[in-house]
Amino acid sequence: MSNPEQLLASFDAKIAEAKQRGDRMQAEMATVSVSERSQDGQIAVKVNHLGNLVGLEIGHAVREKANLADEILRTVHRAQSRLAGAVQAGMPSIAGTETMNELVEQLHREFPEPEPQGFVDGGHAAPANDGSRFVVEEELPSQPKPKPPRPAPEAGTDDDYFSDGDYLR
């Protein structure tokens, strides 16, 4: 068996090497970010390696748009969905390892590709983008009036037991 001091020294060296690799990975990861522009180019966003919004620029032409918030969120989601590729490109120290594969899978789960613009689940047409987000109550179809309750059976005519003869009347 080896000398206990040699085992401890070997163990300390492995710990120092693992810490060094972890620090290098952390430094590489901190440099990863993704920038994205809206389709009209008036909104620019930047997300960091965690998917957090760290930069936002809004052009003057769209500041009064009714759906500005939706357009910003759509742009952020597109940027977040590109994080997995940015991590693969920006972290060469773990390229091709199981750690990289797990990290990329996690990013794909966390930030999936956004649905195409105008897509509505169920295949129906997308709602008109007129800036209104709520349906006015007058536009809702009126609910049918409930049926009146069934009158109580007369005394002596209990049809639950078919005592009057055949059940097919």
Protein backbone atom coordinates (compact mmCIF):
# COMPACT_ATOMS: atom_id res chain seq x y z
CA MET A 1 0.00 0.00 0.00
CA SER A 2 1.17 3.58 -0.68
CA ASN A 3 2.32 6.08 1.82
CA PRO A 4 -0.67 8.02 3.30
CA GLU A 5 1.14 11.30 2.71
CA GLN A 6 1.56 10.46 -0.98
CA LEU A 7 -2.16 9.61 -1.21
CA LEU A 8 -3.08 12.96 0.37
CA ALA A 9 -0.71 14.86 -1.91
CA SER A 10 -2.14 13.06 -4.95
CA PHE A 11 -5.67 13.79 -3.76
CA ASP A 12 -4.82 17.49 -3.18
CA ALA A 13 -3.35 17.73 -6.69
CA LYS A 14 -6.51 16.22 -8.21
CA ILE A 15 -8.68 18.65 -6.24
CA ALA A 16 -6.57 21.62 -7.37
CA GLU A 17 -6.78 20.45 -11.00
CA ALA A 18 -10.57 20.03 -10.77
CA LYS A 19 -10.91 23.49 -9.22
CA GLN A 20 -8.77 24.97 -11.99
CA ARG A 21 -10.94 23.28 -14.66
CA GLY A 22 -14.09 24.52 -12.90
CA ASP A 23 -12.77 28.07 -12.72
CA ARG A 24 -11.84 27.96 -16.42
CA MET A 25 -15.31 26.64 -17.35
CA GLN A 26 -16.95 29.33 -15.23
CA ALA A 27 -14.87 32.06 -16.87
CA GLU A 28 -15.68 30.74 -20.36
CA MET A 29 -19.37 30.45 -19.52
CA ALA A 30 -19.50 34.04 -18.22
CA THR A 31 -18.37 35.31 -21.63
CA VAL A 32 -21.23 33.58 -23.47
CA SER A 33 -24.07 35.85 -24.56
CA VAL A 34 -26.49 36.03 -27.47
CA SER A 35 -27.80 39.13 -29.25
CA GLU A 36 -30.92 39.12 -31.39
CA ARG A 37 -32.92 41.68 -33.38
CA SER A 38 -36.63 41.74 -34.10
CA GLN A 39 -37.78 41.07 -37.65
CA ASP A 40 -38.10 44.78 -38.38
CA GLY A 41 -34.73 45.50 -36.75
CA GLN A 42 -36.17 48.06 -34.33
CA ILE A 43 -35.72 45.96 -31.17
CA ALA A 44 -32.35 44.56 -30.09
CA VAL A 45 -31.90 42.30 -27.06
CA LYS A 46 -28.94 40.62 -25.42
CA VAL A 47 -29.17 37.64 -23.05
CA ASN A 48 -26.37 36.29 -20.88
CA HIS A 49 -25.32 32.67 -20.40
CA LEU A 50 -28.22 32.13 -17.98
CA GLY A 51 -30.80 33.45 -20.43
CA ASN A 52 -31.32 36.67 -18.50
CA LEU A 53 -31.98 39.85 -20.41
CA VAL A 54 -28.93 42.09 -20.03
CA GLY A 55 -29.45 44.51 -22.92
CA LEU A 56 -32.46 46.10 -24.60
CA GLU A 57 -32.61 48.73 -27.34
CA ILE A 58 -35.91 49.98 -28.73
CA GLY A 59 -36.03 52.08 -31.89
CA HIS A 60 -38.09 55.29 -31.93
CA ALA A 61 -40.35 53.98 -34.70
CA VAL A 62 -41.82 51.20 -32.53
CA ARG A 63 -42.07 52.82 -29.12
CA GLU A 64 -45.78 53.49 -29.54
CA LYS A 65 -46.64 50.08 -31.04
CA ALA A 66 -49.54 48.38 -29.31
CA ASN A 67 -47.79 45.00 -29.28
CA LEU A 68 -44.33 46.26 -28.26
CA ALA A 69 -44.10 44.03 -25.18
CA ASP A 70 -45.02 40.94 -27.22
CA GLU A 71 -42.40 41.77 -29.83
CA ILE A 72 -39.74 42.25 -27.14
CA LEU A 73 -40.61 38.89 -25.55
CA ARG A 74 -40.58 37.14 -28.92
CA THR A 75 -37.11 38.55 -29.62
CA VAL A 76 -35.86 37.52 -26.16
CA HIS A 77 -37.18 33.98 -26.67
CA ARG A 78 -35.40 33.72 -30.02
CA ALA A 79 -32.14 34.85 -28.38
CA GLN A 80 -32.57 32.39 -25.52
CA SER A 81 -33.21 29.53 -27.94
CA ARG A 82 -29.79 30.20 -29.50
CA LEU A 83 -27.92 29.87 -26.18
CA ALA A 84 -27.10 26.17 -26.59
CA GLY A 85 -25.20 26.83 -29.82
CA ALA A 86 -23.42 29.82 -28.28
CA VAL A 87 -22.33 27.71 -25.29
CA GLN A 88 -20.95 25.02 -27.60
CA ALA A 89 -18.97 27.61 -29.53
CA GLY A 90 -17.86 29.62 -26.51
CA MET A 91 -16.64 26.83 -24.22
CA PRO A 92 -13.87 24.93 -25.98
CA SER A 93 -12.48 23.49 -22.74
CA ILE A 94 -15.37 21.05 -22.40
CA ALA A 95 -16.19 20.52 -26.10
CA GLY A 96 -17.31 16.97 -26.84
CA THR A 97 -17.55 15.92 -23.20
CA GLU A 98 -20.52 14.50 -21.36
CA THR A 99 -20.67 17.73 -19.37
CA MET A 100 -21.11 19.74 -22.58
CA ASN A 101 -23.78 17.35 -23.87
CA GLU A 102 -25.75 17.60 -20.62
CA LEU A 103 -25.41 21.39 -20.55
CA VAL A 104 -26.63 21.71 -24.15
CA GLU A 105 -29.58 19.37 -23.49
CA GLN A 106 -30.52 21.39 -20.42
CA LEU A 107 -30.40 24.64 -22.39
CA HIS A 108 -32.57 23.13 -25.14
CA ARG A 109 -35.11 22.03 -22.51
CA GLU A 110 -35.04 25.39 -20.74
CA PHE A 111 -35.11 27.55 -23.87
CA PRO A 112 -36.83 25.68 -26.72
CA GLU A 113 -37.23 27.11 -30.20
CA PRO A 114 -40.09 29.64 -30.16
CA GLU A 115 -43.24 28.86 -32.10
CA PRO A 116 -43.39 30.49 -35.54
CA GLN A 117 -44.96 33.93 -35.47
CA GLY A 118 -48.71 33.72 -36.00
CA PHE A 119 -48.86 30.08 -34.83
CA VAL A 120 -51.82 29.25 -32.65
CA ASP A 121 -52.12 25.86 -30.97
CA GLY A 122 -55.00 23.89 -32.43
CA GLY A 123 -54.53 25.11 -36.00
CA HIS A 124 -56.88 28.08 -35.83
CA ALA A 125 -55.91 31.40 -37.33
CA ALA A 126 -53.97 33.77 -35.13
CA PRO A 127 -56.04 36.49 -33.50
CA ALA A 128 -55.97 39.90 -35.12
CA ASN A 129 -53.09 41.94 -33.82
CA ASP A 130 -55.04 45.13 -33.28
CA GLY A 131 -53.55 45.84 -29.88
CA SER A 132 -56.48 44.62 -27.83
CA ARG A 133 -55.76 41.72 -25.54
CA PHE A 134 -59.20 41.17 -24.08
CA VAL A 135 -62.51 40.15 -25.56
CA VAL A 136 -65.27 42.64 -24.95
CA GLU A 137 -68.15 41.03 -23.08
CA GLU A 138 -70.72 42.03 -25.72
CA GLU A 139 -68.77 39.95 -28.25
CA LEU A 140 -69.06 36.77 -26.21
CA PRO A 141 -71.87 34.45 -27.28
CA SER A 142 -74.75 34.44 -24.84
CA GLN A 143 -75.13 31.25 -22.88
CA PRO A 144 -78.28 29.24 -23.45
CA LYS A 145 -80.91 29.53 -20.76
CA PRO A 146 -81.08 26.54 -18.47
CA LYS A 147 -83.96 24.12 -18.99
CA PRO A 148 -86.77 24.36 -16.44
CA PRO A 149 -86.73 21.60 -13.83
CA ARG A 150 -88.77 18.50 -14.60
CA PRO A 151 -92.12 18.43 -12.83
CA ALA A 152 -92.48 16.00 -9.95
CA PRO A 153 -94.39 12.78 -10.81
CA GLU A 154 -97.98 12.53 -9.69
CA ALA A 155 -98.70 10.45 -6.62
CA GLY A 156 -99.17 6.80 -7.43
CA THR A 157 -97.34 6.88 -10.80
CA ASP A 158 -93.86 5.77 -9.94
CA ASP A 159 -92.22 4.83 -13.25
CA ASP A 160 -88.96 3.82 -11.62
CA TYR A 161 -90.20 0.27 -11.07
CA PHE A 162 -92.36 -0.22 -14.17
CA SER A 163 -95.25 -1.47 -12.04
CA ASP A 164 -97.83 -0.56 -14.67
CA GLY A 165 -96.68 -3.23 -17.08
CA ASP A 166 -94.28 -3.13 -19.98
CA TYR A 167 -91.34 -0.74 -19.77
CA LEU A 168 -91.51 -0.04 -23.50
CA ARG A 169 -94.44 2.32 -23.75
